[in-house]
Amino acid sequence: MSKRKNKRKCATTNRHHLIFQRTHYRDGYAKLLREAFVYELDIDIHNELHNYILHDVPRPSGAEIKAAWLKYERERDIIAKYDIIDACEWLMQACDDPAWRACMQRQLIFLRSHLGGY
């Protein structure tokens, strides 16, 4: 019998959730919002972001998350055309929570410096 070799391509990208960690965003509107903002990102850039730049995005209040989700639903067609930088910028403005905004801004600055733009 011949063995069939499983040839796997070496992945060059990872799925990056702009809203992380999953433990804070695992249910309700928070989960829906988290799943709406997932982008492919180069593995090395992804690892650097998580290991050295930003470990977590604090969860705003339930009311703010719900408001952000409802805003997302109204603007879904526009946001669907966004790249990761535009989406991160949108998220930064989506909640008034200062910790949320600061973390999204750190992510935004990092992504702009590594991916270009603006």
PDB file of N, CA and C in Angstrom:
ATOM      1  N   MET A   1       0.825  -1.173   0.000  1.00  0.00           N
ATOM      2  CA  MET A   1       0.000   0.000   0.000  1.00  0.00           C
ATOM      3  C   MET A   1       0.874   1.242   0.000  1.00  0.00           C
ATOM      4  N   SER A   2       0.450   2.178  -0.754  1.00  0.00           N
ATOM      5  CA  SER A   2       1.217   3.424  -0.766  1.00  0.00           C
ATOM      6  C   SER A   2       0.624   4.399   0.243  1.00  0.00           C
ATOM      7  N   LYS A   3       1.504   5.116   0.859  1.00  0.00           N
ATOM      8  CA  LYS A   3       1.064   6.127   1.808  1.00  0.00           C
ATOM      9  C   LYS A   3       0.851   7.433   1.075  1.00  0.00           C
ATOM     10  N   ARG A   4      -0.218   8.054   1.381  1.00  0.00           N
ATOM     11  CA  ARG A   4      -0.505   9.349   0.786  1.00  0.00           C
ATOM     12  C   ARG A   4       0.081  10.426   1.685  1.00  0.00           C
ATOM     13  N   LYS A   5       0.954  11.213   1.124  1.00  0.00           N
ATOM     14  CA  LYS A   5       1.588  12.270   1.911  1.00  0.00           C
ATOM     15  C   LYS A   5       0.662  13.480   1.957  1.00  0.00           C
ATOM     16  N   ASN A   6       0.537  14.009   3.127  1.00  0.00           N
ATOM     17  CA  ASN A   6      -0.266  15.205   3.318  1.00  0.00           C
ATOM     18  C   ASN A   6       0.652  16.412   3.159  1.00  0.00           C
ATOM     19  N   LYS A   7       0.526  17.061   2.033  1.00  0.00           N
ATOM     20  CA  LYS A   7       1.359  18.219   1.783  1.00  0.00           C
ATOM     21  C   LYS A   7       0.629  19.466   2.272  1.00  0.00           C
ATOM     22  N   ARG A   8       1.213  20.119   3.238  1.00  0.00           N
ATOM     23  CA  ARG A   8       0.637  21.352   3.757  1.00  0.00           C
ATOM     24  C   ARG A   8       1.510  22.516   3.336  1.00  0.00           C
ATOM     25  N   LYS A   9       0.845  23.532   2.891  1.00  0.00           N
ATOM     26  CA  LYS A   9       1.571  24.751   2.586  1.00  0.00           C
ATOM     27  C   LYS A   9       1.917  25.432   3.891  1.00  0.00           C
ATOM     28  N   CYS A  10       3.036  26.066   3.896  1.00  0.00           N
ATOM     29  CA  CYS A  10       3.439  26.817   5.074  1.00  0.00           C
ATOM     30  C   CYS A  10       2.642  28.122   5.080  1.00  0.00           C
ATOM     31  N   ALA A  11       1.866  28.303   6.105  1.00  0.00           N
ATOM     32  CA  ALA A  11       1.017  29.493   6.182  1.00  0.00           C
ATOM     33  C   ALA A  11       1.870  30.757   6.292  1.00  0.00           C
ATOM     34  N   THR A  12       1.421  31.789   5.621  1.00  0.00           N
ATOM     35  CA  THR A  12       2.126  33.072   5.694  1.00  0.00           C
ATOM     36  C   THR A  12       1.290  34.141   6.383  1.00  0.00           C
ATOM     37  N   THR A  13       0.015  33.818   6.638  1.00  0.00           N
ATOM     38  CA  THR A  13      -0.856  34.770   7.315  1.00  0.00           C
ATOM     39  C   THR A  13      -1.628  34.088   8.439  1.00  0.00           C
ATOM     40  N   ASN A  14      -2.093  34.912   9.354  1.00  0.00           N
ATOM     41  CA  ASN A  14      -2.980  34.473  10.432  1.00  0.00           C
ATOM     42  C   ASN A  14      -4.224  35.343  10.406  1.00  0.00           C
ATOM     43  N   ARG A  15      -5.291  34.809  10.935  1.00  0.00           N
ATOM     44  CA  ARG A  15      -6.508  35.606  11.101  1.00  0.00           C
ATOM     45  C   ARG A  15      -6.335  36.466  12.347  1.00  0.00           C
ATOM     46  N   HIS A  16      -6.468  37.773  12.167  1.00  0.00           N
ATOM     47  CA  HIS A  16      -6.323  38.692  13.301  1.00  0.00           C
ATOM     48  C   HIS A  16      -7.664  39.321  13.623  1.00  0.00           C
ATOM     49  N   HIS A  17      -8.089  39.156  14.854  1.00  0.00           N
ATOM     50  CA  HIS A  17      -9.292  39.806  15.360  1.00  0.00           C
ATOM     51  C   HIS A  17      -8.865  41.159  15.920  1.00  0.00           C
ATOM     52  N   LEU A  18      -9.351  42.233  15.346  1.00  0.00           N
ATOM     53  CA  LEU A  18      -9.005  43.559  15.849  1.00  0.00           C
ATOM     54  C   LEU A  18      -9.495  43.744  17.281  1.00  0.00           C
ATOM     55  N   ILE A  19     -10.524  42.999  17.651  1.00  0.00           N
ATOM     56  CA  ILE A  19     -11.045  43.037  19.017  1.00  0.00           C
ATOM     57  C   ILE A  19     -10.627  41.727  19.684  1.00  0.00           C
ATOM     58  N   PHE A  20      -9.707  41.811  20.625  1.00  0.00           N
ATOM     59  CA  PHE A  20      -9.208  40.613  21.301  1.00  0.00           C
ATOM     60  C   PHE A  20      -8.953  40.921  22.760  1.00  0.00           C
ATOM     61  N   GLN A  21      -8.946  40.036  23.581  1.00  0.00           N
ATOM     62  CA  GLN A  21      -8.915  38.590  23.577  1.00  0.00           C
ATOM     63  C   GLN A  21     -10.334  38.024  23.568  1.00  0.00           C
ATOM     64  N   ARG A  22     -10.438  36.830  23.074  1.00  0.00           N
ATOM     65  CA  ARG A  22     -11.737  36.169  22.964  1.00  0.00           C
ATOM     66  C   ARG A  22     -12.441  36.054  24.317  1.00  0.00           C
ATOM     67  N   THR A  23     -11.687  35.874  25.394  1.00  0.00           N
ATOM     68  CA  THR A  23     -12.315  35.692  26.710  1.00  0.00           C
ATOM     69  C   THR A  23     -13.193  36.879  27.113  1.00  0.00           C
ATOM     70  N   HIS A  24     -12.873  38.071  26.638  1.00  0.00           N
ATOM     71  CA  HIS A  24     -13.661  39.255  26.962  1.00  0.00           C
ATOM     72  C   HIS A  24     -14.827  39.470  25.994  1.00  0.00           C
ATOM     73  N   TYR A  25     -14.774  38.821  24.853  1.00  0.00           N
ATOM     74  CA  TYR A  25     -15.736  39.065  23.780  1.00  0.00           C
ATOM     75  C   TYR A  25     -16.332  37.750  23.287  1.00  0.00           C
ATOM     76  N   ARG A  26     -16.836  36.951  24.192  1.00  0.00           N
ATOM     77  CA  ARG A  26     -17.277  35.602  23.817  1.00  0.00           C
ATOM     78  C   ARG A  26     -18.786  35.428  23.749  1.00  0.00           C
ATOM     79  N   ASP A  27     -19.554  36.508  24.034  1.00  0.00           N
ATOM     80  CA  ASP A  27     -20.999  36.334  23.992  1.00  0.00           C
ATOM     81  C   ASP A  27     -21.701  37.625  23.590  1.00  0.00           C
ATOM     82  N   GLY A  28     -22.951  37.482  23.200  1.00  0.00           N
ATOM     83  CA  GLY A  28     -23.794  38.627  22.890  1.00  0.00           C
ATOM     84  C   GLY A  28     -23.255  39.537  21.798  1.00  0.00           C
ATOM     85  N   TYR A  29     -23.509  40.820  21.963  1.00  0.00           N
ATOM     86  CA  TYR A  29     -23.075  41.810  20.983  1.00  0.00           C
ATOM     87  C   TYR A  29     -21.546  41.858  20.872  1.00  0.00           C
ATOM     88  N   ALA A  30     -20.871  41.601  21.977  1.00  0.00           N
ATOM     89  CA  ALA A  30     -19.412  41.618  21.965  1.00  0.00           C
ATOM     90  C   ALA A  30     -18.863  40.564  21.005  1.00  0.00           C
ATOM     91  N   LYS A  31     -19.432  39.369  21.044  1.00  0.00           N
ATOM     92  CA  LYS A  31     -18.990  38.300  20.143  1.00  0.00           C
ATOM     93  C   LYS A  31     -19.297  38.656  18.694  1.00  0.00           C
ATOM     94  N   LEU A  32     -20.488  39.168  18.457  1.00  0.00           N
ATOM     95  CA  LEU A  32     -20.859  39.553  17.095  1.00  0.00           C
ATOM     96  C   LEU A  32     -19.913  40.620  16.547  1.00  0.00           C
ATOM     97  N   LEU A  33     -19.624  41.602  17.369  1.00  0.00           N
ATOM     98  CA  LEU A  33     -18.724  42.675  16.938  1.00  0.00           C
ATOM     99  C   LEU A  33     -17.317  42.136  16.692  1.00  0.00           C
ATOM    100  N   ARG A  34     -16.839  41.288  17.585  1.00  0.00           N
ATOM    101  CA  ARG A  34     -15.500  40.704  17.431  1.00  0.00           C
ATOM    102  C   ARG A  34     -15.384  39.928  16.121  1.00  0.00           C
ATOM    103  N   GLU A  35     -16.386  39.124  15.823  1.00  0.00           N
ATOM    104  CA  GLU A  35     -16.340  38.295  14.616  1.00  0.00           C
ATOM    105  C   GLU A  35     -16.491  39.107  13.332  1.00  0.00           C
ATOM    106  N   ALA A  36     -17.010  40.310  13.440  1.00  0.00           N
ATOM    107  CA  ALA A  36     -17.177  41.157  12.253  1.00  0.00           C
ATOM    108  C   ALA A  36     -15.866  41.817  11.816  1.00  0.00           C
ATOM    109  N   PHE A  37     -14.862  41.811  12.689  1.00  0.00           N
ATOM    110  CA  PHE A  37     -13.619  42.522  12.394  1.00  0.00           C
ATOM    111  C   PHE A  37     -12.418  41.572  12.462  1.00  0.00           C
ATOM    112  N   VAL A  38     -12.370  40.661  11.489  1.00  0.00           N
ATOM    113  CA  VAL A  38     -11.288  39.682  11.387  1.00  0.00           C
ATOM    114  C   VAL A  38     -10.615  39.874  10.033  1.00  0.00           C
ATOM    115  N   TYR A  39      -9.283  39.987  10.053  1.00  0.00           N
ATOM    116  CA  TYR A  39      -8.522  40.246   8.831  1.00  0.00           C
ATOM    117  C   TYR A  39      -7.294  39.349   8.783  1.00  0.00           C
ATOM    118  N   GLU A  40      -6.911  38.981   7.573  1.00  0.00           N
ATOM    119  CA  GLU A  40      -5.671  38.233   7.391  1.00  0.00           C
ATOM    120  C   GLU A  40      -4.503  39.191   7.594  1.00  0.00           C
ATOM    121  N   LEU A  41      -3.514  38.716   8.337  1.00  0.00           N
ATOM    122  CA  LEU A  41      -2.345  39.536   8.644  1.00  0.00           C
ATOM    123  C   LEU A  41      -1.107  38.664   8.565  1.00  0.00           C
ATOM    124  N   ASP A  42      -0.053  39.181   8.001  1.00  0.00           N
ATOM    125  CA  ASP A  42       1.219  38.471   7.924  1.00  0.00           C
ATOM    126  C   ASP A  42       1.581  37.911   9.306  1.00  0.00           C
ATOM    127  N   ILE A  43       2.034  36.677   9.345  1.00  0.00           N
ATOM    128  CA  ILE A  43       2.326  35.999  10.611  1.00  0.00           C
ATOM    129  C   ILE A  43       3.310  36.782  11.469  1.00  0.00           C
ATOM    130  N   ASP A  44       4.391  37.256  10.877  1.00  0.00           N
ATOM    131  CA  ASP A  44       5.396  37.972  11.668  1.00  0.00           C
ATOM    132  C   ASP A  44       4.838  39.269  12.247  1.00  0.00           C
ATOM    133  N   ILE A  45       4.061  39.986  11.449  1.00  0.00           N
ATOM    134  CA  ILE A  45       3.436  41.229  11.924  1.00  0.00           C
ATOM    135  C   ILE A  45       2.421  40.895  13.017  1.00  0.00           C
ATOM    136  N   HIS A  46       1.647  39.861  12.804  1.00  0.00           N
ATOM    137  CA  HIS A  46       0.653  39.426  13.788  1.00  0.00           C
ATOM    138  C   HIS A  46       1.315  39.076  15.119  1.00  0.00           C
ATOM    139  N   ASN A  47       2.381  38.304  15.058  1.00  0.00           N
ATOM    140  CA  ASN A  47       3.087  37.912  16.281  1.00  0.00           C
ATOM    141  C   ASN A  47       3.691  39.115  16.988  1.00  0.00           C
ATOM    142  N   GLU A  48       4.281  40.025  16.238  1.00  0.00           N
ATOM    143  CA  GLU A  48       4.871  41.219  16.848  1.00  0.00           C
ATOM    144  C   GLU A  48       3.792  42.057  17.535  1.00  0.00           C
ATOM    145  N   LEU A  49       2.667  42.208  16.885  1.00  0.00           N
ATOM    146  CA  LEU A  49       1.568  42.974  17.465  1.00  0.00           C
ATOM    147  C   LEU A  49       1.142  42.385  18.810  1.00  0.00           C
ATOM    148  N   HIS A  50       0.926  41.074  18.845  1.00  0.00           N
ATOM    149  CA  HIS A  50       0.452  40.443  20.074  1.00  0.00           C
ATOM    150  C   HIS A  50       1.541  40.302  21.138  1.00  0.00           C
ATOM    151  N   ASN A  51       2.766  40.076  20.723  1.00  0.00           N
ATOM    152  CA  ASN A  51       3.836  39.837  21.693  1.00  0.00           C
ATOM    153  C   ASN A  51       4.466  41.103  22.257  1.00  0.00           C
ATOM    154  N   TYR A  52       4.480  42.177  21.480  1.00  0.00           N
ATOM    155  CA  TYR A  52       5.228  43.358  21.911  1.00  0.00           C
ATOM    156  C   TYR A  52       4.423  44.653  21.966  1.00  0.00           C
ATOM    157  N   ILE A  53       3.329  44.734  21.260  1.00  0.00           N
ATOM    158  CA  ILE A  53       2.620  46.008  21.137  1.00  0.00           C
ATOM    159  C   ILE A  53       1.368  46.046  21.999  1.00  0.00           C
ATOM    160  N   LEU A  54       0.523  45.036  21.886  1.00  0.00           N
ATOM    161  CA  LEU A  54      -0.772  45.081  22.550  1.00  0.00           C
ATOM    162  C   LEU A  54      -1.223  43.673  22.903  1.00  0.00           C
ATOM    163  N   HIS A  55      -1.417  43.440  24.179  1.00  0.00           N
ATOM    164  CA  HIS A  55      -1.803  42.105  24.652  1.00  0.00           C
ATOM    165  C   HIS A  55      -3.314  41.907  24.680  1.00  0.00           C
ATOM    166  N   ASP A  56      -4.062  42.999  24.801  1.00  0.00           N
ATOM    167  CA  ASP A  56      -5.488  42.867  25.052  1.00  0.00           C
ATOM    168  C   ASP A  56      -6.205  44.166  24.702  1.00  0.00           C
ATOM    169  N   VAL A  57      -7.489  44.068  24.410  1.00  0.00           N
ATOM    170  CA  VAL A  57      -8.354  45.244  24.246  1.00  0.00           C
ATOM    171  C   VAL A  57      -9.412  45.142  25.341  1.00  0.00           C
ATOM    172  N   PRO A  58      -9.398  46.059  26.303  1.00  0.00           N
ATOM    173  CA  PRO A  58     -10.377  45.997  27.389  1.00  0.00           C
ATOM    174  C   PRO A  58     -11.801  46.139  26.870  1.00  0.00           C
ATOM    175  N   ARG A  59     -12.730  45.465  27.521  1.00  0.00           N
ATOM    176  CA  ARG A  59     -14.122  45.474  27.083  1.00  0.00           C
ATOM    177  C   ARG A  59     -14.856  46.689  27.658  1.00  0.00           C
ATOM    178  N   PRO A  60     -15.432  47.502  26.778  1.00  0.00           N
ATOM    179  CA  PRO A  60     -16.272  48.608  27.250  1.00  0.00           C
ATOM    180  C   PRO A  60     -17.559  48.072  27.878  1.00  0.00           C
ATOM    181  N   SER A  61     -18.380  48.962  28.372  1.00  0.00           N
ATOM    182  CA  SER A  61     -19.649  48.554  28.980  1.00  0.00           C
ATOM    183  C   SER A  61     -20.528  47.847  27.953  1.00  0.00           C
ATOM    184  N   GLY A  62     -21.475  47.093  28.466  1.00  0.00           N
ATOM    185  CA  GLY A  62     -22.417  46.410  27.584  1.00  0.00           C
ATOM    186  C   GLY A  62     -23.196  47.373  26.704  1.00  0.00           C
ATOM    187  N   ALA A  63     -23.548  48.522  27.265  1.00  0.00           N
ATOM    188  CA  ALA A  63     -24.293  49.523  26.492  1.00  0.00           C
ATOM    189  C   ALA A  63     -23.444  50.065  25.339  1.00  0.00           C
ATOM    190  N   GLU A  64     -22.161  50.291  25.594  1.00  0.00           N
ATOM    191  CA  GLU A  64     -21.282  50.794  24.528  1.00  0.00           C
ATOM    192  C   GLU A  64     -21.061  49.741  23.450  1.00  0.00           C
ATOM    193  N   ILE A  65     -20.896  48.501  23.860  1.00  0.00           N
ATOM    194  CA  ILE A  65     -20.728  47.415  22.882  1.00  0.00           C
ATOM    195  C   ILE A  65     -21.985  47.295  22.017  1.00  0.00           C
ATOM    196  N   LYS A  66     -23.148  47.352  22.643  1.00  0.00           N
ATOM    197  CA  LYS A  66     -24.400  47.260  21.890  1.00  0.00           C
ATOM    198  C   LYS A  66     -24.511  48.421  20.906  1.00  0.00           C
ATOM    199  N   ALA A  67     -24.195  49.630  21.357  1.00  0.00           N
ATOM    200  CA  ALA A  67     -24.263  50.804  20.478  1.00  0.00           C
ATOM    201  C   ALA A  67     -23.304  50.651  19.303  1.00  0.00           C
ATOM    202  N   ALA A  68     -22.098  50.127  19.568  1.00  0.00           N
ATOM    203  CA  ALA A  68     -21.122  49.920  18.490  1.00  0.00           C
ATOM    204  C   ALA A  68     -21.648  48.886  17.498  1.00  0.00           C
ATOM    205  N   TRP A  69     -22.261  47.810  18.001  1.00  0.00           N
ATOM    206  CA  TRP A  69     -22.811  46.786  17.122  1.00  0.00           C
ATOM    207  C   TRP A  69     -23.927  47.356  16.248  1.00  0.00           C
ATOM    208  N   LEU A  70     -24.811  48.138  16.841  1.00  0.00           N
ATOM    209  CA  LEU A  70     -25.913  48.721  16.071  1.00  0.00           C
ATOM    210  C   LEU A  70     -25.393  49.697  15.017  1.00  0.00           C
ATOM    211  N   LYS A  71     -24.350  50.444  15.370  1.00  0.00           N
ATOM    212  CA  LYS A  71     -23.719  51.343  14.393  1.00  0.00           C
ATOM    213  C   LYS A  71     -23.088  50.519  13.268  1.00  0.00           C
ATOM    214  N   TYR A  72     -22.418  49.431  13.644  1.00  0.00           N
ATOM    215  CA  TYR A  72     -21.827  48.546  12.638  1.00  0.00           C
ATOM    216  C   TYR A  72     -22.905  48.028  11.682  1.00  0.00           C
ATOM    217  N   GLU A  73     -24.031  47.588  12.220  1.00  0.00           N
ATOM    218  CA  GLU A  73     -25.098  47.071  11.370  1.00  0.00           C
ATOM    219  C   GLU A  73     -25.599  48.117  10.378  1.00  0.00           C
ATOM    220  N   ARG A  74     -25.690  49.367  10.813  1.00  0.00           N
ATOM    221  CA  ARG A  74     -26.132  50.442   9.914  1.00  0.00           C
ATOM    222  C   ARG A  74     -25.106  50.723   8.821  1.00  0.00           C
ATOM    223  N   GLU A  75     -23.827  50.494   9.126  1.00  0.00           N
ATOM    224  CA  GLU A  75     -22.744  50.846   8.197  1.00  0.00           C
ATOM    225  C   GLU A  75     -22.061  49.619   7.593  1.00  0.00           C
ATOM    226  N   ARG A  76     -22.657  48.464   7.770  1.00  0.00           N
ATOM    227  CA  ARG A  76     -22.044  47.193   7.360  1.00  0.00           C
ATOM    228  C   ARG A  76     -21.541  47.185   5.913  1.00  0.00           C
ATOM    229  N   ASP A  77     -22.327  47.703   4.990  1.00  0.00           N
ATOM    230  CA  ASP A  77     -21.943  47.681   3.578  1.00  0.00           C
ATOM    231  C   ASP A  77     -20.686  48.511   3.316  1.00  0.00           C
ATOM    232  N   ILE A  78     -20.571  49.612   3.992  1.00  0.00           N
ATOM    233  CA  ILE A  78     -19.381  50.468   3.846  1.00  0.00           C
ATOM    234  C   ILE A  78     -18.177  49.791   4.497  1.00  0.00           C
ATOM    235  N   ILE A  79     -18.369  49.289   5.712  1.00  0.00           N
ATOM    236  CA  ILE A  79     -17.271  48.664   6.466  1.00  0.00           C
ATOM    237  C   ILE A  79     -16.751  47.421   5.753  1.00  0.00           C
ATOM    238  N   ALA A  80     -17.604  46.722   5.035  1.00  0.00           N
ATOM    239  CA  ALA A  80     -17.189  45.517   4.306  1.00  0.00           C
ATOM    240  C   ALA A  80     -16.096  45.820   3.284  1.00  0.00           C
ATOM    241  N   LYS A  81     -16.016  47.059   2.847  1.00  0.00           N
ATOM    242  CA  LYS A  81     -15.001  47.464   1.866  1.00  0.00           C
ATOM    243  C   LYS A  81     -13.702  47.946   2.517  1.00  0.00           C
ATOM    244  N   TYR A  82     -13.699  48.058   3.824  1.00  0.00           N
ATOM    245  CA  TYR A  82     -12.536  48.568   4.544  1.00  0.00           C
ATOM    246  C   TYR A  82     -11.398  47.555   4.564  1.00  0.00           C
ATOM    247  N   ASP A  83     -10.189  48.080   4.539  1.00  0.00           N
ATOM    248  CA  ASP A  83      -9.038  47.237   4.831  1.00  0.00           C
ATOM    249  C   ASP A  83      -8.846  47.248   6.350  1.00  0.00           C
ATOM    250  N   ILE A  84      -7.840  46.551   6.825  1.00  0.00           N
ATOM    251  CA  ILE A  84      -7.630  46.408   8.265  1.00  0.00           C
ATOM    252  C   ILE A  84      -7.357  47.748   8.941  1.00  0.00           C
ATOM    253  N   ILE A  85      -6.686  48.655   8.260  1.00  0.00           N
ATOM    254  CA  ILE A  85      -6.373  49.958   8.835  1.00  0.00           C
ATOM    255  C   ILE A  85      -7.644  50.798   8.972  1.00  0.00           C
ATOM    256  N   ASP A  86      -8.444  50.842   7.925  1.00  0.00           N
ATOM    257  CA  ASP A  86      -9.705  51.591   7.991  1.00  0.00           C
ATOM    258  C   ASP A  86     -10.628  51.012   9.061  1.00  0.00           C
ATOM    259  N   ALA A  87     -10.680  49.696   9.155  1.00  0.00           N
ATOM    260  CA  ALA A  87     -11.536  49.045  10.145  1.00  0.00           C
ATOM    261  C   ALA A  87     -11.077  49.377  11.564  1.00  0.00           C
ATOM    262  N   CYS A  88      -9.787  49.368  11.785  1.00  0.00           N
ATOM    263  CA  CYS A  88      -9.258  49.696  13.107  1.00  0.00           C
ATOM    264  C   CYS A  88      -9.576  51.145  13.467  1.00  0.00           C
ATOM    265  N   GLU A  89      -9.458  52.020  12.488  1.00  0.00           N
ATOM    266  CA  GLU A  89      -9.800  53.426  12.721  1.00  0.00           C
ATOM    267  C   GLU A  89     -11.290  53.567  13.048  1.00  0.00           C
ATOM    268  N   TRP A  90     -12.145  52.838  12.332  1.00  0.00           N
ATOM    269  CA  TRP A  90     -13.576  52.872  12.617  1.00  0.00           C
ATOM    270  C   TRP A  90     -13.844  52.406  14.045  1.00  0.00           C
ATOM    271  N   LEU A  91     -13.203  51.298  14.436  1.00  0.00           N
ATOM    272  CA  LEU A  91     -13.389  50.761  15.778  1.00  0.00           C
ATOM    273  C   LEU A  91     -12.924  51.737  16.854  1.00  0.00           C
ATOM    274  N   MET A  92     -11.848  52.438  16.583  1.00  0.00           N
ATOM    275  CA  MET A  92     -11.334  53.401  17.558  1.00  0.00           C
ATOM    276  C   MET A  92     -12.399  54.445  17.900  1.00  0.00           C
ATOM    277  N   GLN A  93     -13.202  54.810  16.902  1.00  0.00           N
ATOM    278  CA  GLN A  93     -14.242  55.817  17.105  1.00  0.00           C
ATOM    279  C   GLN A  93     -15.573  55.220  17.548  1.00  0.00           C
ATOM    280  N   ALA A  94     -15.694  53.907  17.524  1.00  0.00           N
ATOM    281  CA  ALA A  94     -16.980  53.254  17.767  1.00  0.00           C
ATOM    282  C   ALA A  94     -17.430  53.288  19.226  1.00  0.00           C
ATOM    283  N   CYS A  95     -16.490  53.428  20.150  1.00  0.00           N
ATOM    284  CA  CYS A  95     -16.807  53.475  21.582  1.00  0.00           C
ATOM    285  C   CYS A  95     -16.104  54.665  22.212  1.00  0.00           C
ATOM    286  N   ASP A  96     -16.732  55.219  23.229  1.00  0.00           N
ATOM    287  CA  ASP A  96     -16.137  56.352  23.943  1.00  0.00           C
ATOM    288  C   ASP A  96     -15.207  55.925  25.072  1.00  0.00           C
ATOM    289  N   ASP A  97     -15.187  54.647  25.396  1.00  0.00           N
ATOM    290  CA  ASP A  97     -14.351  54.143  26.482  1.00  0.00           C
ATOM    291  C   ASP A  97     -12.879  54.487  26.233  1.00  0.00           C
ATOM    292  N   PRO A  98     -12.230  55.214  27.149  1.00  0.00           N
ATOM    293  CA  PRO A  98     -10.841  55.659  26.932  1.00  0.00           C
ATOM    294  C   PRO A  98      -9.841  54.507  26.768  1.00  0.00           C
ATOM    295  N   ALA A  99     -10.012  53.424  27.529  1.00  0.00           N
ATOM    296  CA  ALA A  99      -9.081  52.291  27.407  1.00  0.00           C
ATOM    297  C   ALA A  99      -9.238  51.611  26.052  1.00  0.00           C
ATOM    298  N   TRP A 100     -10.480  51.450  25.602  1.00  0.00           N
ATOM    299  CA  TRP A 100     -10.760  50.884  24.278  1.00  0.00           C
ATOM    300  C   TRP A 100     -10.081  51.728  23.212  1.00  0.00           C
ATOM    301  N   ARG A 101     -10.332  53.034  23.251  1.00  0.00           N
ATOM    302  CA  ARG A 101      -9.775  53.937  22.239  1.00  0.00           C
ATOM    303  C   ARG A 101      -8.249  53.910  22.241  1.00  0.00           C
ATOM    304  N   ALA A 102      -7.660  53.894  23.416  1.00  0.00           N
ATOM    305  CA  ALA A 102      -6.193  53.877  23.506  1.00  0.00           C
ATOM    306  C   ALA A 102      -5.620  52.607  22.881  1.00  0.00           C
ATOM    307  N   CYS A 103      -6.255  51.481  23.138  1.00  0.00           N
ATOM    308  CA  CYS A 103      -5.766  50.214  22.576  1.00  0.00           C
ATOM    309  C   CYS A 103      -5.959  50.169  21.064  1.00  0.00           C
ATOM    310  N   MET A 104      -7.103  50.630  20.589  1.00  0.00           N
ATOM    311  CA  MET A 104      -7.322  50.664  19.140  1.00  0.00           C
ATOM    312  C   MET A 104      -6.334  51.623  18.474  1.00  0.00           C
ATOM    313  N   GLN A 105      -6.031  52.731  19.144  1.00  0.00           N
ATOM    314  CA  GLN A 105      -5.075  53.671  18.584  1.00  0.00           C
ATOM    315  C   GLN A 105      -3.676  53.049  18.508  1.00  0.00           C
ATOM    316  N   ARG A 106      -3.267  52.322  19.546  1.00  0.00           N
ATOM    317  CA  ARG A 106      -1.959  51.638  19.508  1.00  0.00           C
ATOM    318  C   ARG A 106      -1.905  50.641  18.359  1.00  0.00           C
ATOM    319  N   GLN A 107      -2.982  49.898  18.185  1.00  0.00           N
ATOM    320  CA  GLN A 107      -3.058  48.941  17.080  1.00  0.00           C
ATOM    321  C   GLN A 107      -2.988  49.666  15.741  1.00  0.00           C
ATOM    322  N   LEU A 108      -3.727  50.755  15.637  1.00  0.00           N
ATOM    323  CA  LEU A 108      -3.771  51.537  14.404  1.00  0.00           C
ATOM    324  C   LEU A 108      -2.396  52.079  14.042  1.00  0.00           C
ATOM    325  N   ILE A 109      -1.710  52.656  15.004  1.00  0.00           N
ATOM    326  CA  ILE A 109      -0.361  53.190  14.759  1.00  0.00           C
ATOM    327  C   ILE A 109       0.569  52.076  14.302  1.00  0.00           C
ATOM    328  N   PHE A 110       0.503  50.936  14.965  1.00  0.00           N
ATOM    329  CA  PHE A 110       1.347  49.797  14.596  1.00  0.00           C
ATOM    330  C   PHE A 110       1.035  49.323  13.179  1.00  0.00           C
ATOM    331  N   LEU A 111      -0.242  49.149  12.872  1.00  0.00           N
ATOM    332  CA  LEU A 111      -0.619  48.664  11.543  1.00  0.00           C
ATOM    333  C   LEU A 111      -0.222  49.640  10.452  1.00  0.00           C
ATOM    334  N   ARG A 112      -0.425  50.919  10.685  1.00  0.00           N
ATOM    335  CA  ARG A 112      -0.006  51.909   9.693  1.00  0.00           C
ATOM    336  C   ARG A 112       1.497  51.854   9.459  1.00  0.00           C
ATOM    337  N   SER A 113       2.263  51.698  10.523  1.00  0.00           N
ATOM    338  CA  SER A 113       3.726  51.699  10.369  1.00  0.00           C
ATOM    339  C   SER A 113       4.215  50.440   9.659  1.00  0.00           C
ATOM    340  N   HIS A 114       3.491  49.345   9.798  1.00  0.00           N
ATOM    341  CA  HIS A 114       3.930  48.086   9.184  1.00  0.00           C
ATOM    342  C   HIS A 114       3.286  47.794   7.835  1.00  0.00           C
ATOM    343  N   LEU A 115       2.125  48.373   7.598  1.00  0.00           N
ATOM    344  CA  LEU A 115       1.422  48.094   6.346  1.00  0.00           C
ATOM    345  C   LEU A 115       1.350  49.291   5.424  1.00  0.00           C
ATOM    346  N   GLY A 116       1.756  50.442   5.925  1.00  0.00           N
ATOM    347  CA  GLY A 116       1.729  51.655   5.114  1.00  0.00           C
ATOM    348  C   GLY A 116       0.401  52.362   5.193  1.00  0.00           C
ATOM    349  N   GLY A 117       0.308  53.410   4.464  1.00  0.00           N
ATOM    350  CA  GLY A 117      -0.922  54.179   4.415  1.00  0.00           C
ATOM    351  C   GLY A 117      -0.877  55.381   5.333  1.00  0.00           C
ATOM    352  N   TYR A 118      -1.602  56.362   4.923  1.00  0.00           N
ATOM    353  CA  TYR A 118      -1.788  57.601   5.666  1.00  0.00           C
ATOM    354  C   TYR A 118      -0.468  58.256   5.959  1.00  0.00           C
TER     355      TYR A 118
END
